[in-house]
N, C-alpha and C. Protein backbone atom coordinates (compact mmCIF):
# COMPACT_ATOMS: atom_id res chain seq x y z
N MET A 1 0.86 -1.20 0.00
CA MET A 1 0.00 0.00 0.00
C MET A 1 0.88 1.24 0.00
N THR A 2 0.59 2.16 -0.86
CA THR A 2 1.39 3.39 -0.99
C THR A 2 1.04 4.35 0.12
N ARG A 3 1.91 5.36 0.30
CA ARG A 3 1.69 6.37 1.33
C ARG A 3 0.39 7.13 1.07
N THR A 4 0.12 7.39 -0.21
CA THR A 4 -1.12 8.12 -0.57
C THR A 4 -2.36 7.32 -0.22
N GLN A 5 -2.32 6.00 -0.49
CA GLN A 5 -3.45 5.14 -0.18
C GLN A 5 -3.70 5.07 1.32
N ARG A 6 -2.57 4.98 2.10
CA ARG A 6 -2.72 4.94 3.56
C ARG A 6 -3.33 6.24 4.09
N SER A 7 -2.90 7.35 3.54
CA SER A 7 -3.43 8.65 3.98
C SER A 7 -4.91 8.77 3.66
N LEU A 8 -5.28 8.28 2.44
CA LEU A 8 -6.68 8.34 2.04
C LEU A 8 -7.55 7.47 2.95
N GLY A 9 -7.02 6.29 3.33
CA GLY A 9 -7.76 5.40 4.21
C GLY A 9 -7.98 6.01 5.58
N VAL A 10 -6.93 6.65 6.11
CA VAL A 10 -7.06 7.30 7.42
C VAL A 10 -8.08 8.43 7.36
N TRP A 11 -8.07 9.19 6.27
CA TRP A 11 -9.01 10.31 6.11
C TRP A 11 -10.46 9.82 6.05
N CYS A 12 -10.68 8.75 5.29
CA CYS A 12 -12.04 8.20 5.16
C CYS A 12 -12.54 7.66 6.50
N TYR A 13 -11.63 7.03 7.24
CA TYR A 13 -12.00 6.50 8.55
C TYR A 13 -12.40 7.64 9.48
N GLY A 14 -11.64 8.71 9.43
CA GLY A 14 -11.91 9.87 10.28
C GLY A 14 -13.24 10.51 9.94
N VAL A 15 -13.54 10.64 8.65
CA VAL A 15 -14.81 11.22 8.22
C VAL A 15 -15.99 10.35 8.68
N ALA A 16 -15.84 9.04 8.52
CA ALA A 16 -16.91 8.13 8.92
C ALA A 16 -17.14 8.20 10.42
N TRP A 17 -16.05 8.25 11.19
CA TRP A 17 -16.17 8.32 12.64
C TRP A 17 -16.87 9.60 13.09
N CYS A 18 -16.48 10.70 12.48
CA CYS A 18 -17.11 11.98 12.81
C CYS A 18 -18.60 11.98 12.47
N PHE A 19 -18.95 11.35 11.34
CA PHE A 19 -20.36 11.26 10.92
C PHE A 19 -21.18 10.47 11.94
N LEU A 20 -20.63 9.34 12.41
CA LEU A 20 -21.34 8.51 13.37
C LEU A 20 -21.50 9.22 14.71
N LEU A 21 -20.46 9.94 15.12
CA LEU A 21 -20.56 10.70 16.36
C LEU A 21 -21.63 11.77 16.27
N GLY A 22 -21.65 12.44 15.12
CA GLY A 22 -22.64 13.50 14.91
C GLY A 22 -24.05 12.95 14.89
N LEU A 23 -24.24 11.79 14.21
CA LEU A 23 -25.56 11.17 14.14
C LEU A 23 -26.03 10.73 15.53
N SER A 24 -25.13 10.16 16.31
CA SER A 24 -25.47 9.74 17.67
C SER A 24 -25.88 10.92 18.52
N PHE A 25 -25.16 12.02 18.35
CA PHE A 25 -25.50 13.22 19.12
C PHE A 25 -26.89 13.73 18.76
N LEU A 26 -27.21 13.72 17.46
CA LEU A 26 -28.52 14.20 17.03
C LEU A 26 -29.64 13.34 17.58
N ILE A 27 -29.44 12.00 17.55
CA ILE A 27 -30.47 11.08 18.05
C ILE A 27 -30.70 11.29 19.54
N MET A 28 -29.58 11.40 20.31
CA MET A 28 -29.71 11.55 21.75
C MET A 28 -30.30 12.90 22.12
N SER A 29 -29.91 13.93 21.41
CA SER A 29 -30.38 15.27 21.76
C SER A 29 -31.83 15.49 21.35
N SER A 30 -32.28 14.82 20.29
CA SER A 30 -33.66 15.00 19.84
C SER A 30 -34.60 13.99 20.45
N GLY A 31 -34.06 12.90 21.05
CA GLY A 31 -34.91 11.86 21.63
C GLY A 31 -35.62 11.03 20.60
N CYS A 32 -35.20 11.07 19.36
CA CYS A 32 -35.88 10.37 18.28
C CYS A 32 -35.17 9.06 17.99
N GLY A 33 -35.32 8.09 18.88
CA GLY A 33 -34.72 6.79 18.65
C GLY A 33 -35.69 5.88 17.93
N PRO A 34 -35.24 4.68 17.56
CA PRO A 34 -36.12 3.71 16.89
C PRO A 34 -37.30 3.34 17.78
N THR A 35 -38.46 3.09 17.17
CA THR A 35 -39.66 2.73 17.91
C THR A 35 -40.20 1.40 17.37
N VAL A 36 -40.43 0.47 18.27
CA VAL A 36 -41.00 -0.83 17.92
C VAL A 36 -42.49 -0.81 18.27
N ILE A 37 -43.35 -1.15 17.31
CA ILE A 37 -44.79 -1.16 17.53
C ILE A 37 -45.24 -2.53 18.03
N VAL A 38 -45.93 -2.54 19.14
CA VAL A 38 -46.42 -3.77 19.75
C VAL A 38 -47.95 -3.74 19.76
N THR A 39 -48.58 -4.87 19.44
CA THR A 39 -50.04 -4.99 19.46
C THR A 39 -50.45 -6.04 20.48
N ILE A 40 -51.40 -5.70 21.33
CA ILE A 40 -51.91 -6.66 22.30
C ILE A 40 -53.43 -6.71 22.19
N GLN A 41 -54.01 -7.79 22.67
CA GLN A 41 -55.46 -7.93 22.65
C GLN A 41 -55.93 -8.45 24.01
N GLU A 42 -56.92 -7.79 24.57
CA GLU A 42 -57.45 -8.20 25.87
C GLU A 42 -58.97 -8.33 25.78
N GLU A 43 -59.53 -9.05 26.74
CA GLU A 43 -60.96 -9.34 26.72
C GLU A 43 -61.65 -8.78 27.97
N LEU A 44 -62.82 -8.18 27.73
CA LEU A 44 -63.65 -7.66 28.82
C LEU A 44 -65.02 -8.32 28.77
N PRO A 45 -65.37 -9.11 29.76
CA PRO A 45 -66.72 -9.71 29.77
C PRO A 45 -67.76 -8.72 30.27
N ILE A 46 -68.87 -8.61 29.56
CA ILE A 46 -70.00 -7.78 29.98
C ILE A 46 -71.24 -8.66 30.01
N ARG A 47 -71.93 -8.67 31.14
CA ARG A 47 -73.06 -9.59 31.33
C ARG A 47 -74.37 -8.83 31.52
N LEU A 48 -75.38 -9.31 30.84
CA LEU A 48 -76.73 -8.76 30.95
C LEU A 48 -77.64 -9.86 31.50
N ASP A 49 -78.33 -9.56 32.58
CA ASP A 49 -79.23 -10.52 33.22
C ASP A 49 -80.60 -9.83 33.35
N ILE A 50 -81.60 -10.33 32.64
CA ILE A 50 -82.91 -9.67 32.65
C ILE A 50 -83.55 -9.69 34.02
N ASN A 51 -83.42 -10.77 34.77
CA ASN A 51 -83.98 -10.79 36.13
C ASN A 51 -83.36 -9.69 36.99
N LYS A 52 -82.06 -9.48 36.83
CA LYS A 52 -81.38 -8.44 37.60
C LYS A 52 -81.85 -7.05 37.17
N ILE A 53 -82.06 -6.87 35.85
CA ILE A 53 -82.56 -5.59 35.34
C ILE A 53 -83.95 -5.31 35.91
N PHE A 54 -84.82 -6.31 35.90
CA PHE A 54 -86.17 -6.14 36.45
C PHE A 54 -86.10 -5.75 37.94
N ALA A 55 -85.21 -6.41 38.67
CA ALA A 55 -85.09 -6.12 40.10
C ALA A 55 -84.60 -4.69 40.33
N GLU A 56 -83.60 -4.26 39.54
CA GLU A 56 -83.06 -2.91 39.69
C GLU A 56 -84.10 -1.84 39.36
N GLN A 57 -84.95 -2.14 38.38
CA GLN A 57 -85.96 -1.17 37.96
C GLN A 57 -87.31 -1.39 38.67
N LYS A 58 -87.30 -2.28 39.68
CA LYS A 58 -88.49 -2.54 40.50
C LYS A 58 -89.69 -2.98 39.66
N VAL A 59 -89.40 -3.85 38.70
CA VAL A 59 -90.45 -4.45 37.89
C VAL A 59 -90.94 -5.71 38.62
N VAL A 60 -92.19 -5.69 39.07
CA VAL A 60 -92.76 -6.83 39.80
C VAL A 60 -93.34 -7.80 38.77
N VAL A 61 -92.57 -8.82 38.46
CA VAL A 61 -92.91 -9.73 37.37
C VAL A 61 -94.27 -10.39 37.58
N GLY A 62 -94.51 -10.92 38.78
CA GLY A 62 -95.77 -11.62 39.04
C GLY A 62 -96.99 -10.73 38.89
N LYS A 63 -96.85 -9.44 39.17
CA LYS A 63 -97.97 -8.51 39.11
C LYS A 63 -98.20 -8.00 37.69
N LEU A 64 -97.12 -7.66 37.00
CA LEU A 64 -97.24 -7.08 35.65
C LEU A 64 -97.53 -8.12 34.58
N PHE A 65 -97.07 -9.36 34.82
CA PHE A 65 -97.20 -10.40 33.79
C PHE A 65 -97.99 -11.59 34.35
N PRO A 66 -99.29 -11.44 34.54
CA PRO A 66 -100.11 -12.55 35.06
C PRO A 66 -100.09 -13.74 34.11
N GLY A 67 -99.90 -14.92 34.71
CA GLY A 67 -99.84 -16.12 33.88
C GLY A 67 -98.57 -16.19 33.07
N SER A 68 -97.55 -15.42 33.49
CA SER A 68 -96.25 -15.38 32.79
C SER A 68 -96.40 -14.97 31.34
N ARG A 69 -97.36 -14.05 31.09
CA ARG A 69 -97.56 -13.53 29.74
C ARG A 69 -97.73 -12.01 29.82
N VAL A 70 -97.34 -11.33 28.74
CA VAL A 70 -97.48 -9.88 28.69
C VAL A 70 -98.90 -9.55 28.22
N PRO A 71 -99.70 -8.85 29.02
CA PRO A 71 -101.07 -8.48 28.59
C PRO A 71 -101.03 -7.56 27.37
N ARG A 72 -102.04 -7.66 26.53
CA ARG A 72 -102.08 -6.83 25.32
C ARG A 72 -102.15 -5.34 25.66
N SER A 73 -102.67 -5.03 26.81
CA SER A 73 -102.80 -3.62 27.20
C SER A 73 -101.52 -3.01 27.76
N LEU A 74 -100.50 -3.85 27.95
CA LEU A 74 -99.27 -3.38 28.59
C LEU A 74 -98.23 -2.93 27.55
N LYS A 75 -97.73 -1.73 27.74
CA LYS A 75 -96.62 -1.25 26.93
C LYS A 75 -95.69 -0.47 27.85
N MET A 76 -94.43 -0.91 27.94
CA MET A 76 -93.49 -0.25 28.85
C MET A 76 -92.06 -0.41 28.34
N SER A 77 -91.20 0.47 28.82
CA SER A 77 -89.79 0.43 28.46
C SER A 77 -88.98 0.31 29.75
N VAL A 78 -88.11 -0.70 29.79
CA VAL A 78 -87.29 -0.94 30.99
C VAL A 78 -85.82 -0.66 30.65
N PRO A 79 -85.26 0.43 31.16
CA PRO A 79 -83.88 0.78 30.82
C PRO A 79 -82.87 -0.10 31.56
N PHE A 80 -81.69 -0.25 30.96
CA PHE A 80 -80.59 -0.94 31.65
C PHE A 80 -79.28 -0.22 31.34
N TRP A 81 -78.32 -0.38 32.23
CA TRP A 81 -77.03 0.30 32.13
C TRP A 81 -75.96 -0.61 32.73
N LEU A 82 -75.01 -1.02 31.89
CA LEU A 82 -73.95 -1.93 32.30
C LEU A 82 -72.60 -1.24 32.12
N THR A 83 -71.69 -1.39 33.08
CA THR A 83 -70.38 -0.75 32.96
C THR A 83 -69.26 -1.76 33.21
N LYS A 84 -68.11 -1.44 32.62
CA LYS A 84 -66.91 -2.27 32.80
C LYS A 84 -65.68 -1.38 32.69
N LYS A 85 -64.73 -1.56 33.59
CA LYS A 85 -63.50 -0.77 33.57
C LYS A 85 -62.42 -1.48 32.78
N TYR A 86 -61.69 -0.71 31.95
CA TYR A 86 -60.53 -1.26 31.24
C TYR A 86 -59.31 -0.43 31.61
N ASP A 87 -58.25 -1.10 32.05
CA ASP A 87 -57.01 -0.44 32.46
C ASP A 87 -55.83 -1.21 31.89
N ILE A 88 -55.17 -0.62 30.88
CA ILE A 88 -54.07 -1.31 30.22
C ILE A 88 -52.86 -1.45 31.14
N ARG A 89 -52.82 -0.68 32.21
CA ARG A 89 -51.69 -0.74 33.14
C ARG A 89 -51.60 -2.08 33.85
N ASN A 90 -52.65 -2.90 33.76
CA ASN A 90 -52.62 -4.23 34.35
C ASN A 90 -52.00 -5.26 33.40
N ASN A 91 -51.76 -4.87 32.15
CA ASN A 91 -51.19 -5.79 31.17
C ASN A 91 -49.69 -5.97 31.44
N SER A 92 -49.20 -7.21 31.36
CA SER A 92 -47.80 -7.51 31.69
C SER A 92 -46.82 -6.82 30.75
N LYS A 93 -47.15 -6.75 29.45
CA LYS A 93 -46.25 -6.10 28.50
C LYS A 93 -46.19 -4.60 28.78
N PHE A 94 -47.33 -4.02 29.10
CA PHE A 94 -47.35 -2.59 29.39
C PHE A 94 -46.53 -2.29 30.65
N LYS A 95 -46.66 -3.12 31.66
CA LYS A 95 -45.88 -2.94 32.88
C LYS A 95 -44.38 -3.01 32.60
N GLN A 96 -44.00 -3.92 31.71
CA GLN A 96 -42.59 -4.14 31.42
C GLN A 96 -41.95 -2.93 30.73
N TYR A 97 -42.72 -2.25 29.85
CA TYR A 97 -42.14 -1.17 29.04
C TYR A 97 -42.76 0.20 29.33
N LYS A 98 -43.43 0.32 30.47
CA LYS A 98 -44.23 1.51 30.74
C LYS A 98 -43.50 2.82 30.49
N SER A 99 -42.25 2.93 30.96
CA SER A 99 -41.51 4.19 30.85
C SER A 99 -41.07 4.49 29.41
N GLN A 100 -41.16 3.50 28.52
CA GLN A 100 -40.70 3.68 27.14
C GLN A 100 -41.86 3.76 26.14
N ILE A 101 -43.10 3.78 26.63
CA ILE A 101 -44.26 3.65 25.74
C ILE A 101 -44.69 4.99 25.16
N SER A 102 -45.04 4.96 23.88
CA SER A 102 -45.57 6.13 23.18
C SER A 102 -46.59 5.64 22.15
N GLN A 103 -47.27 6.57 21.49
CA GLN A 103 -48.18 6.27 20.39
C GLN A 103 -49.26 5.25 20.79
N LEU A 104 -49.84 5.43 21.97
CA LEU A 104 -50.86 4.52 22.46
C LEU A 104 -52.16 4.72 21.68
N GLN A 105 -52.74 3.61 21.17
CA GLN A 105 -53.93 3.74 20.32
C GLN A 105 -54.76 2.47 20.36
N ILE A 106 -56.08 2.64 20.41
CA ILE A 106 -56.97 1.50 20.25
C ILE A 106 -57.17 1.26 18.76
N LYS A 107 -56.83 0.07 18.32
CA LYS A 107 -56.93 -0.27 16.90
C LYS A 107 -58.31 -0.81 16.54
N ARG A 108 -58.92 -1.54 17.49
CA ARG A 108 -60.21 -2.15 17.17
C ARG A 108 -60.95 -2.52 18.45
N LEU A 109 -62.25 -2.34 18.43
CA LEU A 109 -63.13 -2.83 19.49
C LEU A 109 -64.15 -3.77 18.83
N SER A 110 -64.06 -5.02 19.17
CA SER A 110 -64.99 -6.00 18.61
C SER A 110 -65.62 -6.79 19.76
N TYR A 111 -66.56 -7.65 19.44
CA TYR A 111 -67.21 -8.42 20.49
C TYR A 111 -67.71 -9.75 19.92
N ARG A 112 -67.87 -10.70 20.82
CA ARG A 112 -68.46 -11.99 20.46
C ARG A 112 -69.42 -12.40 21.57
N VAL A 113 -70.41 -13.17 21.19
CA VAL A 113 -71.42 -13.63 22.14
C VAL A 113 -70.97 -14.99 22.69
N ALA A 114 -70.63 -15.01 23.99
CA ALA A 114 -70.13 -16.24 24.60
C ALA A 114 -71.24 -17.06 25.24
N HIS A 115 -72.31 -16.38 25.70
CA HIS A 115 -73.41 -17.07 26.38
C HIS A 115 -74.69 -16.31 26.07
N ASN A 116 -75.76 -17.04 25.76
CA ASN A 116 -76.99 -16.36 25.37
C ASN A 116 -78.19 -17.27 25.61
N THR A 117 -78.93 -16.96 26.68
CA THR A 117 -80.16 -17.70 26.94
C THR A 117 -81.38 -16.78 26.84
N LEU A 118 -81.19 -15.62 26.21
CA LEU A 118 -82.29 -14.67 26.05
C LEU A 118 -83.39 -15.27 25.16
N ASN A 119 -84.63 -14.98 25.51
CA ASN A 119 -85.75 -15.42 24.67
C ASN A 119 -86.26 -14.28 23.78
N ILE A 120 -85.50 -13.18 23.73
CA ILE A 120 -85.82 -12.03 22.88
C ILE A 120 -84.54 -11.57 22.19
N ASP A 121 -84.72 -10.84 21.10
CA ASP A 121 -83.56 -10.22 20.46
C ASP A 121 -83.15 -9.00 21.28
N ILE A 122 -81.85 -8.70 21.22
CA ILE A 122 -81.36 -7.53 21.91
C ILE A 122 -80.50 -6.72 20.94
N PRO A 123 -80.76 -5.44 20.71
CA PRO A 123 -81.80 -4.66 21.36
C PRO A 123 -83.19 -5.03 20.82
N THR A 124 -84.20 -4.75 21.63
CA THR A 124 -85.56 -5.02 21.18
C THR A 124 -85.93 -4.03 20.08
N GLN A 125 -86.91 -4.42 19.28
CA GLN A 125 -87.30 -3.62 18.12
C GLN A 125 -87.64 -2.18 18.52
N GLY A 126 -87.07 -1.25 17.77
CA GLY A 126 -87.32 0.17 18.03
C GLY A 126 -86.35 0.79 19.02
N THR A 127 -85.35 0.02 19.50
CA THR A 127 -84.35 0.55 20.43
C THR A 127 -82.95 0.27 19.89
N THR A 128 -81.96 0.85 20.53
CA THR A 128 -80.55 0.61 20.14
C THR A 128 -79.76 0.18 21.36
N LEU A 129 -78.66 -0.52 21.10
CA LEU A 129 -77.74 -0.96 22.15
C LEU A 129 -76.49 -0.10 22.00
N ASP A 130 -76.42 0.96 22.82
CA ASP A 130 -75.39 1.98 22.65
C ASP A 130 -74.19 1.74 23.55
N VAL A 131 -73.03 2.18 23.08
CA VAL A 131 -71.77 2.04 23.81
C VAL A 131 -71.25 3.42 24.17
N PHE A 132 -70.80 3.56 25.42
CA PHE A 132 -70.34 4.84 25.95
C PHE A 132 -68.94 4.67 26.55
N ILE A 133 -68.19 5.76 26.58
CA ILE A 133 -66.86 5.77 27.20
C ILE A 133 -66.81 6.91 28.21
N GLY A 134 -66.28 6.61 29.39
CA GLY A 134 -66.14 7.63 30.42
C GLY A 134 -64.79 7.52 31.10
N GLU A 135 -64.43 8.53 31.86
CA GLU A 135 -63.19 8.49 32.62
C GLU A 135 -63.34 7.53 33.80
N ILE A 136 -62.21 6.99 34.26
CA ILE A 136 -62.24 6.10 35.41
C ILE A 136 -62.88 6.81 36.60
N GLY A 137 -63.81 6.11 37.24
CA GLY A 137 -64.49 6.68 38.39
C GLY A 137 -65.81 7.34 38.07
N ALA A 138 -66.16 7.42 36.77
CA ALA A 138 -67.44 8.03 36.39
C ALA A 138 -68.58 7.21 36.99
N LYS A 139 -69.48 7.88 37.70
CA LYS A 139 -70.53 7.19 38.44
C LYS A 139 -71.87 7.19 37.71
N SER A 140 -72.18 8.25 37.00
CA SER A 140 -73.49 8.36 36.37
C SER A 140 -73.36 8.40 34.84
N LYS A 141 -74.44 8.01 34.17
CA LYS A 141 -74.43 7.91 32.72
C LYS A 141 -74.12 9.24 32.05
N ASP A 142 -74.51 10.35 32.67
CA ASP A 142 -74.27 11.64 32.04
C ASP A 142 -72.79 12.05 32.06
N LYS A 143 -71.95 11.26 32.73
CA LYS A 143 -70.51 11.51 32.73
C LYS A 143 -69.80 10.75 31.61
N TYR A 144 -70.58 10.02 30.83
CA TYR A 144 -70.04 9.23 29.73
C TYR A 144 -70.37 9.91 28.39
N ASP A 145 -69.59 9.57 27.36
CA ASP A 145 -69.86 10.04 26.00
C ASP A 145 -70.23 8.85 25.13
N LYS A 146 -71.29 9.00 24.35
CA LYS A 146 -71.67 7.94 23.42
C LYS A 146 -70.66 7.89 22.27
N VAL A 147 -70.14 6.69 21.99
CA VAL A 147 -69.13 6.55 20.93
C VAL A 147 -69.57 5.60 19.82
N GLY A 148 -70.59 4.78 20.07
CA GLY A 148 -71.00 3.83 19.03
C GLY A 148 -72.16 2.96 19.48
N PHE A 149 -72.37 1.88 18.75
CA PHE A 149 -73.48 0.98 19.08
C PHE A 149 -73.15 -0.42 18.60
N LEU A 150 -73.88 -1.39 19.13
CA LEU A 150 -73.71 -2.80 18.76
C LEU A 150 -74.83 -3.22 17.83
N GLN A 151 -74.51 -4.14 16.95
CA GLN A 151 -75.51 -4.67 16.03
C GLN A 151 -76.48 -5.58 16.79
N PRO A 152 -77.72 -5.75 16.28
CA PRO A 152 -78.68 -6.62 16.96
C PRO A 152 -78.17 -8.05 17.16
N ILE A 153 -78.51 -8.62 18.31
CA ILE A 153 -78.10 -9.98 18.64
C ILE A 153 -79.35 -10.83 18.81
N PRO A 154 -79.54 -11.86 17.99
CA PRO A 154 -80.74 -12.70 18.09
C PRO A 154 -80.79 -13.45 19.41
N GLY A 155 -81.98 -13.57 19.98
CA GLY A 155 -82.15 -14.31 21.22
C GLY A 155 -81.69 -15.76 21.09
N GLY A 156 -80.92 -16.23 22.07
CA GLY A 156 -80.47 -17.62 22.11
C GLY A 156 -79.29 -17.96 21.23
N LYS A 157 -78.84 -17.03 20.40
CA LYS A 157 -77.76 -17.34 19.46
C LYS A 157 -76.40 -16.99 20.05
N VAL A 158 -75.47 -17.95 20.01
CA VAL A 158 -74.10 -17.71 20.48
C VAL A 158 -73.14 -17.73 19.29
N GLY A 159 -71.93 -17.30 19.53
CA GLY A 159 -70.92 -17.32 18.47
C GLY A 159 -70.98 -16.12 17.55
N VAL A 160 -71.92 -15.21 17.78
CA VAL A 160 -72.01 -14.01 16.95
C VAL A 160 -70.75 -13.16 17.19
N VAL A 161 -70.10 -12.75 16.10
CA VAL A 161 -68.90 -11.92 16.18
C VAL A 161 -69.11 -10.68 15.32
N ASP A 162 -68.81 -9.52 15.88
CA ASP A 162 -68.97 -8.28 15.12
C ASP A 162 -68.08 -7.21 15.72
N GLN A 163 -68.01 -6.06 15.05
CA GLN A 163 -67.23 -4.94 15.55
C GLN A 163 -68.15 -3.83 16.04
N LEU A 164 -67.65 -3.08 16.99
CA LEU A 164 -68.37 -1.90 17.44
C LEU A 164 -68.48 -0.91 16.29
N GLU A 165 -69.69 -0.42 16.06
CA GLU A 165 -69.90 0.61 15.04
C GLU A 165 -69.74 1.98 15.68
N PHE A 166 -68.67 2.68 15.32
CA PHE A 166 -68.45 4.01 15.88
C PHE A 166 -69.37 5.03 15.21
N ILE A 167 -69.88 5.95 16.02
CA ILE A 167 -70.58 7.09 15.45
C ILE A 167 -69.52 8.13 15.06
N GLN A 168 -69.94 9.20 14.40
CA GLN A 168 -68.99 10.23 13.99
C GLN A 168 -68.29 10.81 15.22
N GLY A 169 -66.97 10.78 15.20
CA GLY A 169 -66.17 11.30 16.31
C GLY A 169 -65.99 10.32 17.45
N GLY A 170 -66.66 9.16 17.37
CA GLY A 170 -66.60 8.19 18.47
C GLY A 170 -65.24 7.55 18.65
N GLU A 171 -64.60 7.21 17.54
CA GLU A 171 -63.28 6.57 17.63
C GLU A 171 -62.26 7.54 18.21
N GLU A 172 -62.32 8.80 17.78
CA GLU A 172 -61.40 9.82 18.29
C GLU A 172 -61.62 10.03 19.79
N MET A 173 -62.88 10.07 20.21
CA MET A 173 -63.19 10.26 21.63
C MET A 173 -62.66 9.10 22.46
N THR A 174 -62.82 7.87 21.95
CA THR A 174 -62.33 6.70 22.67
C THR A 174 -60.83 6.78 22.87
N ASN A 175 -60.10 7.13 21.82
CA ASN A 175 -58.64 7.21 21.93
C ASN A 175 -58.19 8.38 22.80
N THR A 176 -58.97 9.46 22.82
CA THR A 176 -58.65 10.58 23.70
C THR A 176 -58.75 10.15 25.16
N ARG A 177 -59.82 9.45 25.49
CA ARG A 177 -59.97 8.93 26.85
C ARG A 177 -58.84 7.97 27.20
N PHE A 178 -58.41 7.20 26.20
CA PHE A 178 -57.44 6.13 26.44
C PHE A 178 -56.03 6.67 26.71
N GLN A 179 -55.77 7.93 26.41
CA GLN A 179 -54.45 8.48 26.66
C GLN A 179 -54.11 8.50 28.15
N LYS A 180 -55.12 8.34 29.00
CA LYS A 180 -54.88 8.23 30.44
C LYS A 180 -54.73 6.77 30.87
N PHE A 181 -54.63 5.86 29.87
CA PHE A 181 -54.34 4.44 30.06
C PHE A 181 -55.53 3.62 30.55
N ALA A 182 -56.66 4.25 30.82
CA ALA A 182 -57.80 3.50 31.33
C ALA A 182 -59.09 4.24 31.04
N PHE A 183 -60.19 3.51 31.00
CA PHE A 183 -61.50 4.14 30.81
C PHE A 183 -62.59 3.22 31.32
N GLU A 184 -63.76 3.80 31.50
CA GLU A 184 -64.96 3.03 31.83
C GLU A 184 -65.77 2.86 30.55
N MET A 185 -66.20 1.63 30.28
CA MET A 185 -67.07 1.37 29.14
C MET A 185 -68.48 1.12 29.65
N GLY A 186 -69.44 1.80 29.04
CA GLY A 186 -70.83 1.59 29.41
C GLY A 186 -71.64 1.08 28.23
N VAL A 187 -72.57 0.19 28.49
CA VAL A 187 -73.50 -0.31 27.47
C VAL A 187 -74.91 -0.03 27.99
N GLY A 188 -75.67 0.72 27.20
CA GLY A 188 -77.00 1.11 27.65
C GLY A 188 -78.07 0.85 26.60
N GLY A 189 -79.26 0.59 27.08
CA GLY A 189 -80.38 0.37 26.17
C GLY A 189 -81.67 0.23 26.97
N SER A 190 -82.68 -0.27 26.32
CA SER A 190 -83.98 -0.46 26.97
C SER A 190 -84.62 -1.73 26.46
N LEU A 191 -85.36 -2.39 27.34
CA LEU A 191 -86.20 -3.52 26.94
C LEU A 191 -87.59 -2.96 26.66
N LEU A 192 -88.00 -2.99 25.41
CA LEU A 192 -89.31 -2.48 25.04
C LEU A 192 -90.30 -3.64 25.09
N ILE A 193 -91.25 -3.55 26.00
CA ILE A 193 -92.24 -4.61 26.19
C ILE A 193 -93.59 -4.09 25.72
N ASP A 194 -94.15 -4.75 24.72
CA ASP A 194 -95.40 -4.31 24.11
C ASP A 194 -96.30 -5.52 23.89
N GLY A 195 -97.39 -5.59 24.65
CA GLY A 195 -98.28 -6.74 24.56
C GLY A 195 -98.96 -6.90 23.22
N THR A 196 -99.06 -5.83 22.43
CA THR A 196 -99.68 -5.94 21.10
C THR A 196 -98.70 -6.55 20.09
N VAL A 197 -97.44 -6.59 20.45
CA VAL A 197 -96.41 -7.15 19.56
C VAL A 197 -96.08 -8.59 19.95
N SER A 198 -95.91 -8.82 21.26
CA SER A 198 -95.55 -10.17 21.74
C SER A 198 -96.03 -10.34 23.17
N SER A 199 -96.48 -11.53 23.48
CA SER A 199 -96.92 -11.84 24.85
C SER A 199 -95.81 -12.51 25.65
N VAL A 200 -94.65 -12.66 25.03
CA VAL A 200 -93.51 -13.33 25.68
C VAL A 200 -92.86 -12.40 26.71
N VAL A 201 -92.73 -12.88 27.94
CA VAL A 201 -92.06 -12.12 29.00
C VAL A 201 -90.54 -12.27 28.82
N PRO A 202 -89.81 -11.17 28.66
CA PRO A 202 -88.36 -11.28 28.48
C PRO A 202 -87.69 -11.98 29.66
N GLN A 203 -86.75 -12.85 29.35
CA GLN A 203 -85.97 -13.51 30.38
C GLN A 203 -84.68 -14.05 29.78
N GLY A 204 -83.75 -14.42 30.66
CA GLY A 204 -82.49 -15.00 30.22
C GLY A 204 -81.29 -14.11 30.50
N GLN A 205 -80.14 -14.58 30.05
CA GLN A 205 -78.88 -13.89 30.28
C GLN A 205 -78.07 -13.82 28.99
N LEU A 206 -77.20 -12.80 28.94
CA LEU A 206 -76.33 -12.62 27.77
C LEU A 206 -74.95 -12.24 28.28
N GLU A 207 -73.93 -12.89 27.74
CA GLU A 207 -72.55 -12.50 28.06
C GLU A 207 -71.82 -12.13 26.76
N LEU A 208 -71.37 -10.89 26.71
CA LEU A 208 -70.55 -10.43 25.60
C LEU A 208 -69.10 -10.37 26.03
N ILE A 209 -68.22 -10.82 25.15
CA ILE A 209 -66.78 -10.66 25.38
C ILE A 209 -66.30 -9.55 24.46
N VAL A 210 -66.01 -8.40 25.04
CA VAL A 210 -65.49 -7.27 24.26
C VAL A 210 -63.98 -7.46 24.10
N GLU A 211 -63.53 -7.48 22.86
CA GLU A 211 -62.11 -7.66 22.57
C GLU A 211 -61.50 -6.31 22.22
N VAL A 212 -60.54 -5.89 23.02
CA VAL A 212 -59.87 -4.59 22.85
C VAL A 212 -58.49 -4.84 22.26
N GLN A 213 -58.28 -4.39 21.02
CA GLN A 213 -56.97 -4.51 20.39
C GLN A 213 -56.26 -3.16 20.47
N VAL A 214 -55.10 -3.18 21.09
CA VAL A 214 -54.35 -1.95 21.38
C VAL A 214 -52.96 -2.05 20.76
N SER A 215 -52.49 -0.94 20.21
CA SER A 215 -51.10 -0.89 19.77
C SER A 215 -50.40 0.26 20.48
N PHE A 216 -49.10 0.07 20.71
CA PHE A 216 -48.30 1.16 21.28
C PHE A 216 -46.85 0.98 20.84
N GLY A 217 -46.14 2.11 20.85
CA GLY A 217 -44.75 2.08 20.46
C GLY A 217 -43.85 1.96 21.69
N ILE A 218 -42.75 1.23 21.53
CA ILE A 218 -41.73 1.13 22.57
C ILE A 218 -40.47 1.82 22.06
N ASP A 219 -40.08 2.91 22.68
CA ASP A 219 -38.86 3.64 22.29
C ASP A 219 -37.66 2.89 22.83
N VAL A 220 -36.85 2.35 21.93
CA VAL A 220 -35.74 1.48 22.34
C VAL A 220 -34.51 2.27 22.74
N LEU A 221 -34.47 3.57 22.49
CA LEU A 221 -33.35 4.40 22.92
C LEU A 221 -33.86 5.44 23.90
């Protein structure tokens, strides 16, 4: 190797070293290190029990439904309100990387019917099964925001799988709430009982498994 070649090699090495030092300085000073995106999925069971709803709303079954049938003259609406807390801070992966997490986002909210002994469709005709999101600790329905609704679920049918239908702005609202790592989910609706439509007294139970798919970035530097 000639003297000129050796000098050129040393110069190139020096330039490369200076470039790497400068790049490292920029990354450290700006905090813009590589980010790995992680996706997790968790399940939230939500249970609806018509006997419990009747008890909460003080519906006296034996008095209102003589002979275990709905009289033709009876028309009433029985509201129900179910809540469930979701806190990603309980997830093992989140605990492991908590100080490095960024870009937290809900990618999908879906549900499946795990148990269904209802003798009516839910929601009942003329009503909707709405989904609400509130901050942790929200006690009353007016502290929640409506974000979407669930598709009708036939009475007695299990295995139904569907996604939450967001209303306009609902997905953005859900993710805004989620930036605090937790939220309360509410499901609200009404049992519409009309003796001119059906004499069947509503009864049974429903269990929905809400599947929450979440993604977040882990800053590796």
